[in-house]
Amino acid sequence: MEVEDIYENVENNDIKNTTGPQNQNHSQDEGKAQKKRGSRCLVLMTVCLGLICVVLLIFIIITAERDLLKSYKNTAEELNQTINSLQDNYTDLMTKKDQLKNNFSSLSQEKLELETRVNDLTAEKGQLQRRVDSLSQKKLELENELRKLSERGNGRFFMSSELKSWSESRQYCRDRGADLIIINTEEKQRYISSFIKESVWIGLSDIESEGNMKWVDNSPLKQGFWESNEPNDAGGNEDCIELNPANLVLSNWNDIPCSAMRKWICEN
């Protein structure tokens, strides 16, 4: 409804209300006119106030919607950030999971290798133990042989720790009531060769007569354990005999110059 229509309705009502007896005076007409104008102002003010209220209501609604939209937008951004953060965390966790899986696989492989190594070492330990047992048995056998040799020859052996010529070595033994060792059996040859680690003088030479080997007790050589092509008296001055354990047990004698420096074995 337009404002002019409202005014017209108000005027028509006023006119209807003012119809009455023709004898009303002029002052009454003026009062009605003022009342009419006041009613119009009241209506106009009411309409304006209503419009203002509507405008304010619309403004409030628009402002509220704008704030709500802004809040929704902020919430959506925060939600997106949270989702992105969760996605990044998920990616990191998956990466760590793969790393842990790889580490677990590596550790499992190392475990298998260590178990294999332990099994190998256990087998080696068994082999070494058997070897120790075998060496212990050989030690007992050698000790028995030494005892038998001592009983037969009533002698003892001494292995030097220094180097001397053949003559000096023999003198060292004689100064102590012994002499260089005599090896006149295969059993004794095997025994002496088993415990020495380097070449030593033995009590055999052909110093007195070239080619006529004698022991230090002047007994002749009956059985020798020579290296191949020995003795050869190379240079014409190889008159004393060494035992070289680096060669085969039954072929390790060699003639060399008596002035050579060697360790020795005394026997009494």
C-alpha atoms as a PDB file:
ATOM      1  CA  MET A   1       0.000   0.000   0.000  1.00  0.00           C
ATOM      2  CA  GLU A   2       1.314   3.449  -0.999  1.00  0.00           C
ATOM      3  CA  VAL A   3       1.715   6.311   1.495  1.00  0.00           C
ATOM      4  CA  GLU A   4      -0.792   8.469  -0.470  1.00  0.00           C
ATOM      5  CA  ASP A   5      -3.431   5.711  -0.145  1.00  0.00           C
ATOM      6  CA  ILE A   6      -2.858   5.647   3.632  1.00  0.00           C
ATOM      7  CA  TYR A   7      -3.295   9.444   3.788  1.00  0.00           C
ATOM      8  CA  GLU A   8      -6.470   9.263   1.653  1.00  0.00           C
ATOM      9  CA  ASN A   9      -8.003   6.582   3.882  1.00  0.00           C
ATOM     10  CA  VAL A  10      -7.200   8.630   6.950  1.00  0.00           C
ATOM     11  CA  GLU A  11      -8.775  11.766   5.377  1.00  0.00           C
ATOM     12  CA  ASN A  12     -11.889   9.841   4.327  1.00  0.00           C
ATOM     13  CA  ASN A  13     -12.265   8.521   7.859  1.00  0.00           C
ATOM     14  CA  ASP A  14     -11.851  11.982   9.260  1.00  0.00           C
ATOM     15  CA  ILE A  15     -14.422  13.353   6.864  1.00  0.00           C
ATOM     16  CA  LYS A  16     -16.859  10.624   7.801  1.00  0.00           C
ATOM     17  CA  ASN A  17     -16.248  11.275  11.462  1.00  0.00           C
ATOM     18  CA  THR A  18     -16.728  15.025  11.053  1.00  0.00           C
ATOM     19  CA  THR A  19     -20.083  14.806   9.288  1.00  0.00           C
ATOM     20  CA  GLY A  20     -22.673  15.823  11.649  1.00  0.00           C
ATOM     21  CA  PRO A  21     -24.938  18.666  12.416  1.00  0.00           C
ATOM     22  CA  GLN A  22     -24.489  21.829  10.322  1.00  0.00           C
ATOM     23  CA  ASN A  23     -24.681  24.003  13.299  1.00  0.00           C
ATOM     24  CA  GLN A  24     -21.118  23.292  14.599  1.00  0.00           C
ATOM     25  CA  ASN A  25     -19.113  26.444  14.924  1.00  0.00           C
ATOM     26  CA  HIS A  26     -15.909  27.491  13.298  1.00  0.00           C
ATOM     27  CA  SER A  27     -13.686  26.590  16.265  1.00  0.00           C
ATOM     28  CA  GLN A  28     -14.761  23.004  16.141  1.00  0.00           C
ATOM     29  CA  ASP A  29     -13.754  22.862  12.463  1.00  0.00           C
ATOM     30  CA  GLU A  30     -10.308  24.142  13.232  1.00  0.00           C
ATOM     31  CA  GLY A  31      -9.859  21.547  15.988  1.00  0.00           C
ATOM     32  CA  LYS A  32     -10.793  18.821  13.646  1.00  0.00           C
ATOM     33  CA  ALA A  33      -8.364  20.162  11.071  1.00  0.00           C
ATOM     34  CA  GLN A  34      -5.525  20.149  13.620  1.00  0.00           C
ATOM     35  CA  LYS A  35      -6.497  16.690  14.722  1.00  0.00           C
ATOM     36  CA  LYS A  36      -6.421  15.600  11.114  1.00  0.00           C
ATOM     37  CA  ARG A  37      -2.952  17.029  10.573  1.00  0.00           C
ATOM     38  CA  GLY A  38      -1.760  15.386  13.765  1.00  0.00           C
ATOM     39  CA  SER A  39      -3.065  12.056  12.634  1.00  0.00           C
ATOM     40  CA  ARG A  40      -1.247  12.427   9.351  1.00  0.00           C
ATOM     41  CA  CYS A  41       2.039  13.223  11.101  1.00  0.00           C
ATOM     42  CA  LEU A  42       1.550  10.249  13.398  1.00  0.00           C
ATOM     43  CA  VAL A  43       0.934   7.965  10.470  1.00  0.00           C
ATOM     44  CA  LEU A  44       3.926   9.375   8.644  1.00  0.00           C
ATOM     45  CA  MET A  45       6.152   8.922  11.675  1.00  0.00           C
ATOM     46  CA  THR A  46       4.861   5.392  12.154  1.00  0.00           C
ATOM     47  CA  VAL A  47       5.579   4.550   8.544  1.00  0.00           C
ATOM     48  CA  CYS A  48       9.076   6.063   8.741  1.00  0.00           C
ATOM     49  CA  LEU A  49       9.784   4.251  11.970  1.00  0.00           C
ATOM     50  CA  GLY A  50       8.623   1.002  10.374  1.00  0.00           C
ATOM     51  CA  LEU A  51      10.835   1.606   7.371  1.00  0.00           C
ATOM     52  CA  ILE A  52      13.798   2.374   9.633  1.00  0.00           C
ATOM     53  CA  CYS A  53      13.130  -0.827  11.582  1.00  0.00           C
ATOM     54  CA  VAL A  54      12.958  -2.795   8.349  1.00  0.00           C
ATOM     55  CA  VAL A  55      16.202  -1.243   7.118  1.00  0.00           C
ATOM     56  CA  LEU A  56      17.912  -1.954  10.457  1.00  0.00           C
ATOM     57  CA  LEU A  57      16.594  -5.488  10.422  1.00  0.00           C
ATOM     58  CA  ILE A  58      17.890  -5.994   6.897  1.00  0.00           C
ATOM     59  CA  PHE A  59      21.253  -4.470   7.886  1.00  0.00           C
ATOM     60  CA  ILE A  60      21.453  -6.697  10.933  1.00  0.00           C
ATOM     61  CA  ILE A  61      20.561  -9.760   8.874  1.00  0.00           C
ATOM     62  CA  ILE A  62      23.116  -8.850   6.194  1.00  0.00           C
ATOM     63  CA  THR A  63      25.791  -8.158   8.821  1.00  0.00           C
ATOM     64  CA  ALA A  64      25.016 -11.403  10.631  1.00  0.00           C
ATOM     65  CA  GLU A  65      25.123 -13.342   7.376  1.00  0.00           C
ATOM     66  CA  ARG A  66      28.376 -11.655   6.427  1.00  0.00           C
ATOM     67  CA  ASP A  67      29.898 -12.481   9.816  1.00  0.00           C
ATOM     68  CA  LEU A  68      28.547 -15.992   9.558  1.00  0.00           C
ATOM     69  CA  LEU A  69      29.999 -16.396   6.069  1.00  0.00           C
ATOM     70  CA  LYS A  70      33.313 -15.006   7.312  1.00  0.00           C
ATOM     71  CA  SER A  71      33.205 -17.431  10.226  1.00  0.00           C
ATOM     72  CA  TYR A  72      32.378 -20.288   7.865  1.00  0.00           C
ATOM     73  CA  LYS A  73      35.242 -19.221   5.605  1.00  0.00           C
ATOM     74  CA  ASN A  74      37.712 -19.102   8.520  1.00  0.00           C
ATOM     75  CA  THR A  75      36.441 -22.439   9.773  1.00  0.00           C
ATOM     76  CA  ALA A  76      36.800 -23.921   6.275  1.00  0.00           C
ATOM     77  CA  GLU A  77      40.363 -22.585   5.997  1.00  0.00           C
ATOM     78  CA  GLU A  78      41.232 -23.972   9.422  1.00  0.00           C
ATOM     79  CA  LEU A  79      39.676 -27.279   8.444  1.00  0.00           C
ATOM     80  CA  ASN A  80      41.687 -27.342   5.217  1.00  0.00           C
ATOM     81  CA  GLN A  81      44.852 -26.541   7.133  1.00  0.00           C
ATOM     82  CA  THR A  82      44.056 -29.311   9.612  1.00  0.00           C
ATOM     83  CA  ILE A  83      43.380 -31.733   6.750  1.00  0.00           C
ATOM     84  CA  ASN A  84      46.653 -30.737   5.041  1.00  0.00           C
ATOM     85  CA  SER A  85      48.533 -31.106   8.326  1.00  0.00           C
ATOM     86  CA  LEU A  86      46.972 -34.519   8.912  1.00  0.00           C
ATOM     87  CA  GLN A  87      47.835 -35.499   5.348  1.00  0.00           C
ATOM     88  CA  ASP A  88      51.464 -34.430   5.869  1.00  0.00           C
ATOM     89  CA  ASN A  89      51.579 -36.326   9.171  1.00  0.00           C
ATOM     90  CA  TYR A  90      50.104 -39.365   7.482  1.00  0.00           C
ATOM     91  CA  THR A  91      52.728 -39.143   4.729  1.00  0.00           C
ATOM     92  CA  ASP A  92      55.520 -38.821   7.320  1.00  0.00           C
ATOM     93  CA  LEU A  93      54.147 -41.771   9.262  1.00  0.00           C
ATOM     94  CA  MET A  94      53.984 -43.895   6.118  1.00  0.00           C
ATOM     95  CA  THR A  95      57.566 -42.910   5.288  1.00  0.00           C
ATOM     96  CA  LYS A  96      58.691 -43.837   8.799  1.00  0.00           C
ATOM     97  CA  LYS A  97      56.733 -47.057   8.521  1.00  0.00           C
ATOM     98  CA  ASP A  98      58.594 -47.941   5.318  1.00  0.00           C
ATOM     99  CA  GLN A  99      61.914 -47.036   6.947  1.00  0.00           C
ATOM    100  CA  LEU A 100      61.120 -49.187   9.980  1.00  0.00           C
ATOM    101  CA  LYS A 101      60.081 -52.007   7.674  1.00  0.00           C
ATOM    102  CA  ASN A 102      63.371 -51.731   5.791  1.00  0.00           C
ATOM    103  CA  ASN A 103      65.303 -51.581   9.078  1.00  0.00           C
ATOM    104  CA  PHE A 104      63.443 -54.639  10.317  1.00  0.00           C
ATOM    105  CA  SER A 105      64.275 -56.504   7.116  1.00  0.00           C
ATOM    106  CA  SER A 106      67.929 -55.446   7.427  1.00  0.00           C
ATOM    107  CA  LEU A 107      68.065 -56.537  11.070  1.00  0.00           C
ATOM    108  CA  SER A 108      66.415 -59.833  10.193  1.00  0.00           C
ATOM    109  CA  GLN A 109      69.062 -60.400   7.525  1.00  0.00           C
ATOM    110  CA  GLU A 110      71.823 -59.509   9.968  1.00  0.00           C
ATOM    111  CA  LYS A 111      70.288 -61.870  12.495  1.00  0.00           C
ATOM    112  CA  LEU A 112      70.361 -64.696   9.965  1.00  0.00           C
ATOM    113  CA  GLU A 113      73.960 -63.871   9.074  1.00  0.00           C
ATOM    114  CA  LEU A 114      74.940 -63.805  12.750  1.00  0.00           C
ATOM    115  CA  GLU A 115      73.181 -67.117  13.357  1.00  0.00           C
ATOM    116  CA  THR A 116      75.043 -68.580  10.389  1.00  0.00           C
ATOM    117  CA  ARG A 117      78.292 -67.146  11.714  1.00  0.00           C
ATOM    118  CA  VAL A 118      77.589 -68.572  15.175  1.00  0.00           C
ATOM    119  CA  ASN A 119      76.918 -71.975  13.644  1.00  0.00           C
ATOM    120  CA  ASP A 120      80.156 -71.742  11.655  1.00  0.00           C
ATOM    121  CA  LEU A 121      82.105 -70.689  14.750  1.00  0.00           C
ATOM    122  CA  THR A 122      80.522 -73.514  16.708  1.00  0.00           C
ATOM    123  CA  ALA A 123      81.618 -75.950  14.014  1.00  0.00           C
ATOM    124  CA  GLU A 124      85.117 -74.412  13.994  1.00  0.00           C
ATOM    125  CA  LYS A 125      85.201 -74.640  17.785  1.00  0.00           C
ATOM    126  CA  GLY A 126      84.377 -78.338  17.522  1.00  0.00           C
ATOM    127  CA  GLN A 127      87.137 -78.817  14.964  1.00  0.00           C
ATOM    128  CA  LEU A 128      89.632 -76.895  17.099  1.00  0.00           C
ATOM    129  CA  GLN A 129      88.614 -78.890  20.160  1.00  0.00           C
ATOM    130  CA  ARG A 130      89.186 -82.113  18.269  1.00  0.00           C
ATOM    131  CA  ARG A 131      92.548 -80.785  17.093  1.00  0.00           C
ATOM    132  CA  VAL A 132      93.476 -79.814  20.662  1.00  0.00           C
ATOM    133  CA  ASP A 133      92.510 -83.287  21.825  1.00  0.00           C
ATOM    134  CA  SER A 134      94.617 -84.774  19.049  1.00  0.00           C
ATOM    135  CA  LEU A 135      97.589 -82.555  19.916  1.00  0.00           C
ATOM    136  CA  SER A 136      97.179 -83.402  23.570  1.00  0.00           C
ATOM    137  CA  GLN A 137      97.282 -87.060  22.643  1.00  0.00           C
ATOM    138  CA  LYS A 138     100.417 -86.509  20.551  1.00  0.00           C
ATOM    139  CA  LYS A 139     101.958 -84.588  23.442  1.00  0.00           C
ATOM    140  CA  LEU A 140     101.359 -87.539  25.709  1.00  0.00           C
ATOM    141  CA  GLU A 141     102.857 -89.857  23.114  1.00  0.00           C
ATOM    142  CA  LEU A 142     105.935 -87.637  22.745  1.00  0.00           C
ATOM    143  CA  GLU A 143     106.323 -87.419  26.494  1.00  0.00           C
ATOM    144  CA  ASN A 144     106.179 -91.197  26.637  1.00  0.00           C
ATOM    145  CA  GLU A 145     108.770 -91.436  23.865  1.00  0.00           C
ATOM    146  CA  LEU A 146     110.971 -88.947  25.687  1.00  0.00           C
ATOM    147  CA  ARG A 147     110.643 -90.966  28.845  1.00  0.00           C
ATOM    148  CA  LYS A 148     111.551 -94.121  26.958  1.00  0.00           C
ATOM    149  CA  LEU A 149     114.543 -92.419  25.353  1.00  0.00           C
ATOM    150  CA  SER A 150     115.680 -91.119  28.722  1.00  0.00           C
ATOM    151  CA  GLU A 151     115.333 -94.575  30.209  1.00  0.00           C
ATOM    152  CA  ARG A 152     117.266 -96.147  27.355  1.00  0.00           C
ATOM    153  CA  GLY A 153     120.056 -93.615  27.144  1.00  0.00           C
ATOM    154  CA  ASN A 154     119.765 -92.306  30.665  1.00  0.00           C
ATOM    155  CA  GLY A 155     120.062 -88.841  29.115  1.00  0.00           C
ATOM    156  CA  ARG A 156     118.509 -85.410  29.089  1.00  0.00           C
ATOM    157  CA  PHE A 157     118.221 -82.809  26.298  1.00  0.00           C
ATOM    158  CA  PHE A 158     118.942 -79.083  26.329  1.00  0.00           C
ATOM    159  CA  MET A 159     117.889 -76.702  23.508  1.00  0.00           C
ATOM    160  CA  SER A 160     119.975 -73.502  23.287  1.00  0.00           C
ATOM    161  CA  SER A 161     118.543 -70.018  22.809  1.00  0.00           C
ATOM    162  CA  GLU A 162     121.657 -68.406  21.254  1.00  0.00           C
ATOM    163  CA  LEU A 163     123.803 -68.991  18.165  1.00  0.00           C
ATOM    164  CA  LYS A 164     127.307 -70.461  18.107  1.00  0.00           C
ATOM    165  CA  SER A 165     129.647 -72.329  15.756  1.00  0.00           C
ATOM    166  CA  TRP A 166     129.746 -76.128  15.872  1.00  0.00           C
ATOM    167  CA  SER A 167     132.903 -76.213  17.980  1.00  0.00           C
ATOM    168  CA  GLU A 168     131.649 -73.521  20.371  1.00  0.00           C
ATOM    169  CA  SER A 169     128.316 -75.331  20.720  1.00  0.00           C
ATOM    170  CA  ARG A 170     130.053 -78.592  21.548  1.00  0.00           C
ATOM    171  CA  GLN A 171     132.286 -76.876  24.108  1.00  0.00           C
ATOM    172  CA  TYR A 172     129.222 -75.324  25.734  1.00  0.00           C
ATOM    173  CA  CYS A 173     127.687 -78.778  26.165  1.00  0.00           C
ATOM    174  CA  ARG A 174     130.955 -80.326  27.451  1.00  0.00           C
ATOM    175  CA  ASP A 175     131.375 -77.543  30.008  1.00  0.00           C
ATOM    176  CA  ARG A 176     128.090 -78.745  31.499  1.00  0.00           C
ATOM    177  CA  GLY A 177     128.871 -82.431  31.525  1.00  0.00           C
ATOM    178  CA  ALA A 178     127.086 -83.176  28.224  1.00  0.00           C
ATOM    179  CA  ASP A 179     127.806 -83.208  24.478  1.00  0.00           C
ATOM    180  CA  LEU A 180     126.041 -82.483  21.211  1.00  0.00           C
ATOM    181  CA  ILE A 181     123.123 -84.825  20.601  1.00  0.00           C
ATOM    182  CA  ILE A 182     123.601 -88.189  18.914  1.00  0.00           C
ATOM    183  CA  ILE A 183     120.728 -89.387  16.709  1.00  0.00           C
ATOM    184  CA  ASN A 184     121.162 -93.038  15.888  1.00  0.00           C
ATOM    185  CA  THR A 185     117.542 -94.248  15.574  1.00  0.00           C
ATOM    186  CA  GLU A 186     114.548 -93.273  13.463  1.00  0.00           C
ATOM    187  CA  GLU A 187     112.476 -92.938  16.626  1.00  0.00           C
ATOM    188  CA  LYS A 188     114.890 -90.369  18.047  1.00  0.00           C
ATOM    189  CA  GLN A 189     115.102 -88.559  14.690  1.00  0.00           C
ATOM    190  CA  ARG A 190     111.312 -88.166  14.589  1.00  0.00           C
ATOM    191  CA  TYR A 191     111.171 -86.997  18.173  1.00  0.00           C
ATOM    192  CA  ILE A 192     113.900 -84.326  17.828  1.00  0.00           C
ATOM    193  CA  SER A 193     112.433 -83.065  14.529  1.00  0.00           C
ATOM    194  CA  SER A 194     108.996 -82.708  16.142  1.00  0.00           C
ATOM    195  CA  PHE A 195     109.845 -80.014  18.692  1.00  0.00           C
ATOM    196  CA  ILE A 196     112.573 -77.835  17.128  1.00  0.00           C
ATOM    197  CA  LYS A 197     111.563 -74.857  14.986  1.00  0.00           C
ATOM    198  CA  GLU A 198     114.872 -73.900  13.337  1.00  0.00           C
ATOM    199  CA  SER A 199     118.148 -75.441  12.231  1.00  0.00           C
ATOM    200  CA  VAL A 200     120.381 -76.865  15.032  1.00  0.00           C
ATOM    201  CA  TRP A 201     123.800 -78.482  15.301  1.00  0.00           C
ATOM    202  CA  ILE A 202     123.922 -82.206  16.017  1.00  0.00           C
ATOM    203  CA  GLY A 203     126.956 -84.153  17.222  1.00  0.00           C
ATOM    204  CA  LEU A 204     128.015 -85.435  13.766  1.00  0.00           C
ATOM    205  CA  SER A 205     130.981 -84.321  11.605  1.00  0.00           C
ATOM    206  CA  ASP A 206     133.793 -85.495   9.337  1.00  0.00           C
ATOM    207  CA  ILE A 207     136.316 -83.020  10.676  1.00  0.00           C
ATOM    208  CA  GLU A 208     138.968 -85.666  11.344  1.00  0.00           C
ATOM    209  CA  SER A 209     138.594 -87.487   8.001  1.00  0.00           C
ATOM    210  CA  GLU A 210     136.712 -86.133   5.016  1.00  0.00           C
ATOM    211  CA  GLY A 211     133.783 -88.385   4.141  1.00  0.00           C
ATOM    212  CA  ASN A 212     134.144 -90.413   7.334  1.00  0.00           C
ATOM    213  CA  MET A 213     131.218 -89.232   9.462  1.00  0.00           C
ATOM    214  CA  LYS A 214     131.555 -89.828  13.199  1.00  0.00           C
ATOM    215  CA  TRP A 215     129.513 -88.925  16.254  1.00  0.00           C
ATOM    216  CA  VAL A 216     130.998 -86.985  19.123  1.00  0.00           C
ATOM    217  CA  ASP A 217     131.487 -90.274  21.030  1.00  0.00           C
ATOM    218  CA  ASN A 218     133.662 -91.463  18.060  1.00  0.00           C
ATOM    219  CA  SER A 219     131.033 -94.038  16.997  1.00  0.00           C
ATOM    220  CA  PRO A 220     130.616 -94.263  13.200  1.00  0.00           C
ATOM    221  CA  LEU A 221     127.438 -93.181  11.398  1.00  0.00           C
ATOM    222  CA  LYS A 222     125.277 -96.181  10.613  1.00  0.00           C
ATOM    223  CA  GLN A 223     122.008 -94.572   9.536  1.00  0.00           C
ATOM    224  CA  GLY A 224     121.659 -91.041   8.183  1.00  0.00           C
ATOM    225  CA  PHE A 225     118.624 -88.851   7.410  1.00  0.00           C
ATOM    226  CA  TRP A 226     120.084 -86.676   4.665  1.00  0.00           C
ATOM    227  CA  GLU A 227     118.497 -84.119   2.423  1.00  0.00           C
ATOM    228  CA  SER A 228     118.583 -84.859  -1.289  1.00  0.00           C
ATOM    229  CA  ASN A 229     122.171 -84.778  -2.670  1.00  0.00           C
ATOM    230  CA  GLU A 230     123.654 -84.347   0.810  1.00  0.00           C
ATOM    231  CA  PRO A 231     126.279 -84.458   2.152  1.00  0.00           C
ATOM    232  CA  ASN A 232     128.078 -82.780  -0.758  1.00  0.00           C
ATOM    233  CA  ASP A 233     130.924 -80.881   0.969  1.00  0.00           C
ATOM    234  CA  ALA A 234     130.223 -77.831  -1.198  1.00  0.00           C
ATOM    235  CA  GLY A 235     133.313 -75.616  -1.420  1.00  0.00           C
ATOM    236  CA  GLY A 236     135.393 -78.309   0.236  1.00  0.00           C
ATOM    237  CA  ASN A 237     134.756 -77.062   3.791  1.00  0.00           C
ATOM    238  CA  GLU A 238     131.358 -78.427   4.843  1.00  0.00           C
ATOM    239  CA  ASP A 239     132.342 -80.737   7.666  1.00  0.00           C
ATOM    240  CA  CYS A 240     129.636 -80.232  10.328  1.00  0.00           C
ATOM    241  CA  ILE A 241     126.006 -81.371  10.285  1.00  0.00           C
ATOM    242  CA  GLU A 242     122.831 -79.425  10.980  1.00  0.00           C
ATOM    243  CA  LEU A 243     119.270 -80.672  11.320  1.00  0.00           C
ATOM    244  CA  ASN A 244     116.771 -78.481   9.421  1.00  0.00           C
ATOM    245  CA  PRO A 245     113.134 -79.114  10.582  1.00  0.00           C
ATOM    246  CA  ALA A 246     111.763 -77.244   7.557  1.00  0.00           C
ATOM    247  CA  ASN A 247     112.410 -80.346   5.468  1.00  0.00           C
ATOM    248  CA  LEU A 248     110.906 -83.826   5.699  1.00  0.00           C
ATOM    249  CA  VAL A 249     111.461 -85.577   9.015  1.00  0.00           C
ATOM    250  CA  LEU A 250     113.510 -88.427   7.546  1.00  0.00           C
ATOM    251  CA  SER A 251     115.508 -86.242   5.161  1.00  0.00           C
ATOM    252  CA  ASN A 252     116.560 -83.058   6.927  1.00  0.00           C
ATOM    253  CA  TRP A 253     120.331 -83.386   7.576  1.00  0.00           C
ATOM    254  CA  ASN A 254     122.737 -81.099   5.739  1.00  0.00           C
ATOM    255  CA  ASP A 255     126.504 -80.541   5.882  1.00  0.00           C
ATOM    256  CA  ILE A 256     127.624 -76.890   6.225  1.00  0.00           C
ATOM    257  CA  PRO A 257     130.794 -75.058   7.303  1.00  0.00           C
ATOM    258  CA  CYS A 258     131.546 -75.599  10.990  1.00  0.00           C
ATOM    259  CA  SER A 259     131.953 -71.834  11.403  1.00  0.00           C
ATOM    260  CA  ALA A 260     128.260 -71.214  10.621  1.00  0.00           C
ATOM    261  CA  MET A 261     126.185 -69.879  13.500  1.00  0.00           C
ATOM    262  CA  ARG A 262     123.390 -72.162  14.649  1.00  0.00           C
ATOM    263  CA  LYS A 263     121.524 -73.137  17.798  1.00  0.00           C
ATOM    264  CA  TRP A 264     122.268 -76.596  19.208  1.00  0.00           C
ATOM    265  CA  ILE A 265     120.965 -79.465  21.329  1.00  0.00           C
ATOM    266  CA  CYS A 266     122.956 -80.879  24.224  1.00  0.00           C
ATOM    267  CA  GLU A 267     122.473 -84.416  25.557  1.00  0.00           C
ATOM    268  CA  ASN A 268     123.846 -86.093  28.636  1.00  0.00           C
END
